[in-house]
Amino acid sequence: ILMLVEIVLVLLLSIFEKTNSFNVGKANFLTRGHQSTIATRYLAMEFAWKQVKKQSEEKMVKSIENIQSQFNTLRAGGANPSILDRVFVDYFGSPTPLSQVARVAASGSQQIVVEPFDRTICKDIEKAISMSGLNLTPNSDGSIIRINIPPLTEERRKELAKQAKSISEEGKVAVRNVRRDVVEKIKAAEKDKAVSKDDSKGFQDDLQKLTDDFIKKLDTLLKAKEKDLLTI
């Protein structure tokens, strides 16, 4: 999409090479042909910006979805198989999601059962769970791994809330990086005279508003997760 924008802007530049005496303050004196050129430029610019903005929003949505997925791995209590979503197993030298090498399910309210598709990697799965930072202790009989989920202590709840805040900050960085990349493109276009100073400011302000909206969504998700984790 950004390449499309650049192509559109180059075409616009070529149009204006023949009208380099254009002056916004003298618009009333332009010929009908020049006025048509201005209208074409405006519509092309608006279309290109809407496409760029849409793509930016889609990337920000993906960042939100990723954060929500990570929040789901922070358990508030009870046996929830999704807490193992962040566990990756060394499978033939490649980090592989646990769900792709084993069946993961809850067994009652306080236990998770992991059944490897390949029993020879049972030890590797145990190791991955132990080193995941989830504070869980796997127990294996050689074919099935059982994980008892103890009630959360107040201290552990606070630790998880701190992890949730850290995850949220990562999401904010991702959202702001989307904004940064697009702003760099806008400024480059302005420097090349492909975008006017006013258009550049308008696009950047529009993008900042979009960014602020997604930052607020992350704050709302974090607040809900903290409440979930800290409520006994």
C-alpha atoms as a PDB file:
ATOM      1  CA  ILE A   1       0.000   0.000   0.000  1.00  0.00           C
ATOM      2  CA  LEU A   2       2.817   2.415   0.901  1.00  0.00           C
ATOM      3  CA  MET A   3       4.375   1.701  -2.508  1.00  0.00           C
ATOM      4  CA  LEU A   4       1.012   2.603  -4.040  1.00  0.00           C
ATOM      5  CA  VAL A   5       1.086   5.902  -2.187  1.00  0.00           C
ATOM      6  CA  GLU A   6       4.584   6.631  -3.442  1.00  0.00           C
ATOM      7  CA  ILE A   7       3.556   5.844  -7.034  1.00  0.00           C
ATOM      8  CA  VAL A   8       0.513   8.113  -6.743  1.00  0.00           C
ATOM      9  CA  LEU A   9       2.653  10.904  -5.326  1.00  0.00           C
ATOM     10  CA  VAL A  10       5.218  10.570  -8.136  1.00  0.00           C
ATOM     11  CA  LEU A  11       2.410  10.823 -10.681  1.00  0.00           C
ATOM     12  CA  LEU A  12       1.095  13.909  -8.942  1.00  0.00           C
ATOM     13  CA  LEU A  13       4.543  15.471  -9.041  1.00  0.00           C
ATOM     14  CA  SER A  14       4.752  14.899 -12.798  1.00  0.00           C
ATOM     15  CA  ILE A  15       1.390  16.612 -13.185  1.00  0.00           C
ATOM     16  CA  PHE A  16       2.573  19.657 -11.296  1.00  0.00           C
ATOM     17  CA  GLU A  17       5.874  19.973 -13.172  1.00  0.00           C
ATOM     18  CA  LYS A  18       3.917  21.758 -15.886  1.00  0.00           C
ATOM     19  CA  THR A  19       2.151  24.013 -13.388  1.00  0.00           C
ATOM     20  CA  ASN A  20       5.038  25.024 -11.132  1.00  0.00           C
ATOM     21  CA  SER A  21       3.688  28.555 -10.950  1.00  0.00           C
ATOM     22  CA  PHE A  22       0.663  27.288  -9.028  1.00  0.00           C
ATOM     23  CA  ASN A  23      -0.278  29.503  -6.090  1.00  0.00           C
ATOM     24  CA  VAL A  24      -3.061  28.544  -3.668  1.00  0.00           C
ATOM     25  CA  GLY A  25      -3.742  32.174  -2.910  1.00  0.00           C
ATOM     26  CA  LYS A  26      -4.590  32.786  -6.577  1.00  0.00           C
ATOM     27  CA  ALA A  27      -6.923  29.839  -7.066  1.00  0.00           C
ATOM     28  CA  ASN A  28      -9.667  32.060  -8.470  1.00  0.00           C
ATOM     29  CA  PHE A  29      -7.473  32.830 -11.468  1.00  0.00           C
ATOM     30  CA  LEU A  30      -6.708  29.246 -12.406  1.00  0.00           C
ATOM     31  CA  THR A  31      -8.033  27.838 -15.639  1.00  0.00           C
ATOM     32  CA  ARG A  32     -10.683  25.159 -15.610  1.00  0.00           C
ATOM     33  CA  GLY A  33      -8.002  22.622 -16.586  1.00  0.00           C
ATOM     34  CA  HIS A  34      -5.854  23.587 -13.606  1.00  0.00           C
ATOM     35  CA  GLN A  35      -8.851  23.376 -11.287  1.00  0.00           C
ATOM     36  CA  SER A  36      -9.541  19.884 -12.599  1.00  0.00           C
ATOM     37  CA  THR A  37      -5.930  18.944 -11.862  1.00  0.00           C
ATOM     38  CA  ILE A  38      -6.305  20.165  -8.276  1.00  0.00           C
ATOM     39  CA  ALA A  39      -9.469  18.139  -7.812  1.00  0.00           C
ATOM     40  CA  THR A  40      -7.754  15.043  -9.203  1.00  0.00           C
ATOM     41  CA  ARG A  41      -4.790  15.558  -6.881  1.00  0.00           C
ATOM     42  CA  TYR A  42      -7.058  15.985  -3.870  1.00  0.00           C
ATOM     43  CA  LEU A  43      -9.085  12.841  -4.613  1.00  0.00           C
ATOM     44  CA  ALA A  44      -5.965  10.768  -5.283  1.00  0.00           C
ATOM     45  CA  MET A  45      -4.366  11.985  -2.078  1.00  0.00           C
ATOM     46  CA  GLU A  46      -7.480  11.261  -0.032  1.00  0.00           C
ATOM     47  CA  PHE A  47      -7.796   7.779  -1.501  1.00  0.00           C
ATOM     48  CA  ALA A  48      -4.118   6.988  -0.894  1.00  0.00           C
ATOM     49  CA  TRP A  49      -4.274   8.237   2.703  1.00  0.00           C
ATOM     50  CA  LYS A  50      -7.417   6.211   3.475  1.00  0.00           C
ATOM     51  CA  GLN A  51      -5.624   3.083   2.277  1.00  0.00           C
ATOM     52  CA  VAL A  52      -2.554   3.830   4.387  1.00  0.00           C
ATOM     53  CA  LYS A  53      -4.690   4.575   7.428  1.00  0.00           C
ATOM     54  CA  LYS A  54      -6.668   1.362   6.949  1.00  0.00           C
ATOM     55  CA  GLN A  55      -3.477  -0.678   6.768  1.00  0.00           C
ATOM     56  CA  SER A  56      -2.147   1.044   9.907  1.00  0.00           C
ATOM     57  CA  GLU A  57      -5.363   0.292  11.765  1.00  0.00           C
ATOM     58  CA  GLU A  58      -5.196  -3.373  10.753  1.00  0.00           C
ATOM     59  CA  LYS A  59      -1.665  -3.630  12.159  1.00  0.00           C
ATOM     60  CA  MET A  60      -2.755  -2.009  15.408  1.00  0.00           C
ATOM     61  CA  VAL A  61      -5.685  -4.426  15.681  1.00  0.00           C
ATOM     62  CA  LYS A  62      -3.248  -7.331  15.339  1.00  0.00           C
ATOM     63  CA  SER A  63      -1.168  -5.851  18.166  1.00  0.00           C
ATOM     64  CA  ILE A  64      -4.261  -5.702  20.383  1.00  0.00           C
ATOM     65  CA  GLU A  65      -5.152  -9.307  19.520  1.00  0.00           C
ATOM     66  CA  ASN A  66      -1.617 -10.436  20.353  1.00  0.00           C
ATOM     67  CA  ILE A  67      -1.757  -8.735  23.755  1.00  0.00           C
ATOM     68  CA  GLN A  68      -5.152 -10.282  24.509  1.00  0.00           C
ATOM     69  CA  SER A  69      -3.732 -13.688  23.608  1.00  0.00           C
ATOM     70  CA  GLN A  70      -0.834 -13.170  26.017  1.00  0.00           C
ATOM     71  CA  PHE A  71      -3.207 -11.977  28.749  1.00  0.00           C
ATOM     72  CA  ASN A  72      -5.093 -15.257  28.384  1.00  0.00           C
ATOM     73  CA  THR A  73      -1.970 -17.127  29.479  1.00  0.00           C
ATOM     74  CA  LEU A  74      -1.986 -15.321  32.840  1.00  0.00           C
ATOM     75  CA  ARG A  75      -4.239 -17.453  35.011  1.00  0.00           C
ATOM     76  CA  ALA A  76      -6.477 -15.945  37.654  1.00  0.00           C
ATOM     77  CA  GLY A  77      -7.236 -19.347  39.135  1.00  0.00           C
ATOM     78  CA  GLY A  78      -8.333 -22.844  38.215  1.00  0.00           C
ATOM     79  CA  ALA A  79      -7.034 -25.153  35.491  1.00  0.00           C
ATOM     80  CA  ASN A  80      -7.054 -23.239  32.220  1.00  0.00           C
ATOM     81  CA  PRO A  81      -5.196 -24.938  29.327  1.00  0.00           C
ATOM     82  CA  SER A  82      -4.582 -21.564  27.654  1.00  0.00           C
ATOM     83  CA  ILE A  83      -1.959 -20.717  30.283  1.00  0.00           C
ATOM     84  CA  LEU A  84       0.356 -23.062  28.374  1.00  0.00           C
ATOM     85  CA  ASP A  85      -0.074 -21.207  25.072  1.00  0.00           C
ATOM     86  CA  ARG A  86       3.291 -19.498  25.570  1.00  0.00           C
ATOM     87  CA  VAL A  87       5.146 -22.788  26.074  1.00  0.00           C
ATOM     88  CA  PHE A  88       7.400 -23.788  23.169  1.00  0.00           C
ATOM     89  CA  VAL A  89       9.020 -27.204  22.964  1.00  0.00           C
ATOM     90  CA  ASP A  90      12.357 -27.952  21.312  1.00  0.00           C
ATOM     91  CA  TYR A  91      11.098 -30.398  18.688  1.00  0.00           C
ATOM     92  CA  PHE A  92      13.864 -31.652  16.381  1.00  0.00           C
ATOM     93  CA  GLY A  93      15.774 -28.427  16.964  1.00  0.00           C
ATOM     94  CA  SER A  94      12.820 -26.142  16.231  1.00  0.00           C
ATOM     95  CA  PRO A  95      10.841 -24.190  18.889  1.00  0.00           C
ATOM     96  CA  THR A  96       7.302 -25.537  18.483  1.00  0.00           C
ATOM     97  CA  PRO A  97       4.076 -24.490  20.284  1.00  0.00           C
ATOM     98  CA  LEU A  98       3.064 -27.086  22.861  1.00  0.00           C
ATOM     99  CA  SER A  99      -0.391 -27.384  21.295  1.00  0.00           C
ATOM    100  CA  GLN A 100       1.215 -28.709  18.094  1.00  0.00           C
ATOM    101  CA  VAL A 101       3.025 -31.595  19.785  1.00  0.00           C
ATOM    102  CA  ALA A 102       0.548 -32.570  22.490  1.00  0.00           C
ATOM    103  CA  ARG A 103      -3.080 -32.585  23.521  1.00  0.00           C
ATOM    104  CA  VAL A 104      -3.655 -30.119  26.358  1.00  0.00           C
ATOM    105  CA  ALA A 105      -6.817 -30.273  28.463  1.00  0.00           C
ATOM    106  CA  ALA A 106      -8.163 -29.537  31.923  1.00  0.00           C
ATOM    107  CA  SER A 107      -8.826 -32.452  34.265  1.00  0.00           C
ATOM    108  CA  GLY A 108     -11.070 -31.080  36.953  1.00  0.00           C
ATOM    109  CA  SER A 109     -10.698 -27.568  38.307  1.00  0.00           C
ATOM    110  CA  GLN A 110      -7.135 -27.880  39.625  1.00  0.00           C
ATOM    111  CA  GLN A 111      -5.224 -29.969  37.103  1.00  0.00           C
ATOM    112  CA  ILE A 112      -4.059 -29.744  33.478  1.00  0.00           C
ATOM    113  CA  VAL A 113      -3.179 -32.866  31.514  1.00  0.00           C
ATOM    114  CA  VAL A 114      -0.666 -32.835  28.654  1.00  0.00           C
ATOM    115  CA  GLU A 115      -0.584 -35.903  26.403  1.00  0.00           C
ATOM    116  CA  PRO A 116       2.302 -35.848  23.876  1.00  0.00           C
ATOM    117  CA  PHE A 117       1.574 -37.104  20.376  1.00  0.00           C
ATOM    118  CA  ASP A 118       5.112 -38.466  20.419  1.00  0.00           C
ATOM    119  CA  ARG A 119       6.013 -39.989  23.817  1.00  0.00           C
ATOM    120  CA  THR A 120       9.723 -39.706  23.120  1.00  0.00           C
ATOM    121  CA  ILE A 121       9.567 -35.924  23.683  1.00  0.00           C
ATOM    122  CA  CYS A 122       7.874 -36.198  27.083  1.00  0.00           C
ATOM    123  CA  LYS A 123      11.057 -35.027  28.852  1.00  0.00           C
ATOM    124  CA  ASP A 124      11.405 -32.101  26.444  1.00  0.00           C
ATOM    125  CA  ILE A 125       7.852 -30.994  27.205  1.00  0.00           C
ATOM    126  CA  GLU A 126       8.460 -31.233  30.955  1.00  0.00           C
ATOM    127  CA  LYS A 127      11.580 -29.110  30.573  1.00  0.00           C
ATOM    128  CA  ALA A 128       9.760 -26.512  28.477  1.00  0.00           C
ATOM    129  CA  ILE A 129       6.967 -26.175  31.047  1.00  0.00           C
ATOM    130  CA  SER A 130       9.421 -25.954  33.958  1.00  0.00           C
ATOM    131  CA  MET A 131      11.427 -23.219  32.202  1.00  0.00           C
ATOM    132  CA  SER A 132       8.428 -21.245  30.944  1.00  0.00           C
ATOM    133  CA  GLY A 133       8.321 -18.875  33.905  1.00  0.00           C
ATOM    134  CA  LEU A 134       4.761 -19.916  34.697  1.00  0.00           C
ATOM    135  CA  ASN A 135       5.763 -21.240  38.102  1.00  0.00           C
ATOM    136  CA  LEU A 136       4.329 -24.678  37.330  1.00  0.00           C
ATOM    137  CA  THR A 137       5.685 -28.129  38.251  1.00  0.00           C
ATOM    138  CA  PRO A 138       4.940 -30.888  35.708  1.00  0.00           C
ATOM    139  CA  ASN A 139       4.697 -34.535  36.823  1.00  0.00           C
ATOM    140  CA  SER A 140       5.102 -37.285  34.238  1.00  0.00           C
ATOM    141  CA  ASP A 141       4.550 -41.053  34.162  1.00  0.00           C
ATOM    142  CA  GLY A 142       6.393 -41.329  30.858  1.00  0.00           C
ATOM    143  CA  SER A 143       3.382 -40.906  28.622  1.00  0.00           C
ATOM    144  CA  ILE A 144       1.148 -38.293  30.250  1.00  0.00           C
ATOM    145  CA  ILE A 145       2.159 -35.090  32.027  1.00  0.00           C
ATOM    146  CA  ARG A 146      -0.007 -33.750  34.827  1.00  0.00           C
ATOM    147  CA  ILE A 147       0.230 -30.238  36.203  1.00  0.00           C
ATOM    148  CA  ASN A 148      -1.466 -29.413  39.476  1.00  0.00           C
ATOM    149  CA  ILE A 149      -2.681 -25.836  39.643  1.00  0.00           C
ATOM    150  CA  PRO A 150      -2.446 -24.509  43.201  1.00  0.00           C
ATOM    151  CA  PRO A 151      -4.570 -21.583  44.415  1.00  0.00           C
ATOM    152  CA  LEU A 152      -2.877 -18.260  43.730  1.00  0.00           C
ATOM    153  CA  THR A 153      -1.264 -16.512  46.677  1.00  0.00           C
ATOM    154  CA  GLU A 154      -1.537 -12.744  47.036  1.00  0.00           C
ATOM    155  CA  GLU A 155       2.133 -12.401  46.177  1.00  0.00           C
ATOM    156  CA  ARG A 156       1.728 -14.474  43.004  1.00  0.00           C
ATOM    157  CA  ARG A 157      -1.309 -12.445  41.969  1.00  0.00           C
ATOM    158  CA  LYS A 158       0.746  -9.256  42.236  1.00  0.00           C
ATOM    159  CA  GLU A 159       3.533 -10.829  40.180  1.00  0.00           C
ATOM    160  CA  LEU A 160       1.055 -11.746  37.451  1.00  0.00           C
ATOM    161  CA  ALA A 161      -0.427  -8.234  37.509  1.00  0.00           C
ATOM    162  CA  LYS A 162       3.080  -6.880  37.003  1.00  0.00           C
ATOM    163  CA  GLN A 163       3.563  -9.246  34.058  1.00  0.00           C
ATOM    164  CA  ALA A 164       0.277  -8.047  32.579  1.00  0.00           C
ATOM    165  CA  LYS A 165       1.451  -4.439  32.771  1.00  0.00           C
ATOM    166  CA  SER A 166       4.718  -5.366  31.059  1.00  0.00           C
ATOM    167  CA  ILE A 167       2.816  -7.155  28.276  1.00  0.00           C
ATOM    168  CA  SER A 168       0.562  -4.108  27.870  1.00  0.00           C
ATOM    169  CA  GLU A 169       3.606  -1.846  27.487  1.00  0.00           C
ATOM    170  CA  GLU A 170       4.905  -4.133  24.731  1.00  0.00           C
ATOM    171  CA  GLY A 171       1.588  -3.673  22.970  1.00  0.00           C
ATOM    172  CA  LYS A 172       1.855   0.112  23.237  1.00  0.00           C
ATOM    173  CA  VAL A 173       5.341   0.008  21.748  1.00  0.00           C
ATOM    174  CA  ALA A 174       4.032  -2.073  18.830  1.00  0.00           C
ATOM    175  CA  VAL A 175       1.185   0.378  18.189  1.00  0.00           C
ATOM    176  CA  ARG A 176       3.505   3.386  18.366  1.00  0.00           C
ATOM    177  CA  ASN A 177       5.945   1.693  16.000  1.00  0.00           C
ATOM    178  CA  VAL A 178       3.175   1.461  13.413  1.00  0.00           C
ATOM    179  CA  ARG A 179       2.610   5.201  13.783  1.00  0.00           C
ATOM    180  CA  ARG A 180       6.342   5.951  13.599  1.00  0.00           C
ATOM    181  CA  ASP A 181       6.822   4.031  10.355  1.00  0.00           C
ATOM    182  CA  VAL A 182       3.944   5.825   8.636  1.00  0.00           C
ATOM    183  CA  VAL A 183       5.009   9.257   9.932  1.00  0.00           C
ATOM    184  CA  GLU A 184       8.453   8.695   8.425  1.00  0.00           C
ATOM    185  CA  LYS A 185       6.821   8.040   5.052  1.00  0.00           C
ATOM    186  CA  ILE A 186       4.669  11.163   5.350  1.00  0.00           C
ATOM    187  CA  LYS A 187       7.634  13.358   6.257  1.00  0.00           C
ATOM    188  CA  ALA A 188       9.652  11.925   3.386  1.00  0.00           C
ATOM    189  CA  ALA A 189       6.808  12.759   0.990  1.00  0.00           C
ATOM    190  CA  GLU A 190       6.601  16.289   2.399  1.00  0.00           C
ATOM    191  CA  LYS A 191      10.363  16.739   2.007  1.00  0.00           C
ATOM    192  CA  ASP A 192      10.080  15.666  -1.633  1.00  0.00           C
ATOM    193  CA  LYS A 193       7.268  18.218  -2.124  1.00  0.00           C
ATOM    194  CA  ALA A 194       4.864  15.385  -2.935  1.00  0.00           C
ATOM    195  CA  VAL A 195       2.690  16.312   0.057  1.00  0.00           C
ATOM    196  CA  SER A 196       1.994  19.839   1.213  1.00  0.00           C
ATOM    197  CA  LYS A 197       2.868  20.947   4.717  1.00  0.00           C
ATOM    198  CA  ASP A 198      -0.818  21.246   5.594  1.00  0.00           C
ATOM    199  CA  ASP A 199      -1.618  17.768   4.245  1.00  0.00           C
ATOM    200  CA  SER A 200       1.348  16.319   6.103  1.00  0.00           C
ATOM    201  CA  LYS A 201       0.165  17.834   9.385  1.00  0.00           C
ATOM    202  CA  GLY A 202      -3.388  16.662   8.757  1.00  0.00           C
ATOM    203  CA  PHE A 203      -2.288  13.095   8.067  1.00  0.00           C
ATOM    204  CA  GLN A 204      -0.050  13.022  11.141  1.00  0.00           C
ATOM    205  CA  ASP A 205      -2.804  14.415  13.376  1.00  0.00           C
ATOM    206  CA  ASP A 206      -5.227  11.823  12.007  1.00  0.00           C
ATOM    207  CA  LEU A 207      -2.708   9.064  12.671  1.00  0.00           C
ATOM    208  CA  GLN A 208      -2.036  10.330  16.197  1.00  0.00           C
ATOM    209  CA  LYS A 209      -5.748  10.192  17.003  1.00  0.00           C
ATOM    210  CA  LEU A 210      -5.876   6.597  15.756  1.00  0.00           C
ATOM    211  CA  THR A 211      -2.837   5.734  17.876  1.00  0.00           C
ATOM    212  CA  ASP A 212      -4.345   7.347  20.987  1.00  0.00           C
ATOM    213  CA  ASP A 213      -7.550   5.333  20.519  1.00  0.00           C
ATOM    214  CA  PHE A 214      -5.615   2.050  20.465  1.00  0.00           C
ATOM    215  CA  ILE A 215      -3.500   3.043  23.456  1.00  0.00           C
ATOM    216  CA  LYS A 216      -6.745   3.634  25.372  1.00  0.00           C
ATOM    217  CA  LYS A 217      -7.977   0.173  24.321  1.00  0.00           C
ATOM    218  CA  LEU A 218      -4.795  -1.363  25.724  1.00  0.00           C
ATOM    219  CA  ASP A 219      -5.267   0.533  28.987  1.00  0.00           C
ATOM    220  CA  THR A 220      -8.826  -0.796  29.214  1.00  0.00           C
ATOM    221  CA  LEU A 221      -7.658  -4.382  28.602  1.00  0.00           C
ATOM    222  CA  LEU A 222      -4.949  -4.023  31.240  1.00  0.00           C
ATOM    223  CA  LYS A 223      -7.349  -2.609  33.816  1.00  0.00           C
ATOM    224  CA  ALA A 224      -9.742  -5.530  33.291  1.00  0.00           C
ATOM    225  CA  LYS A 225      -6.919  -8.082  33.509  1.00  0.00           C
ATOM    226  CA  GLU A 226      -5.507  -6.554  36.683  1.00  0.00           C
ATOM    227  CA  LYS A 227      -8.946  -6.679  38.277  1.00  0.00           C
ATOM    228  CA  ASP A 228      -9.278 -10.330  37.223  1.00  0.00           C
ATOM    229  CA  LEU A 229      -5.884 -11.236  38.679  1.00  0.00           C
ATOM    230  CA  LEU A 230      -6.110  -9.318  41.927  1.00  0.00           C
ATOM    231  CA  THR A 231      -9.696 -10.180  42.856  1.00  0.00           C
ATOM    232  CA  ILE A 232      -9.769 -13.067  45.349  1.00  0.00           C
END
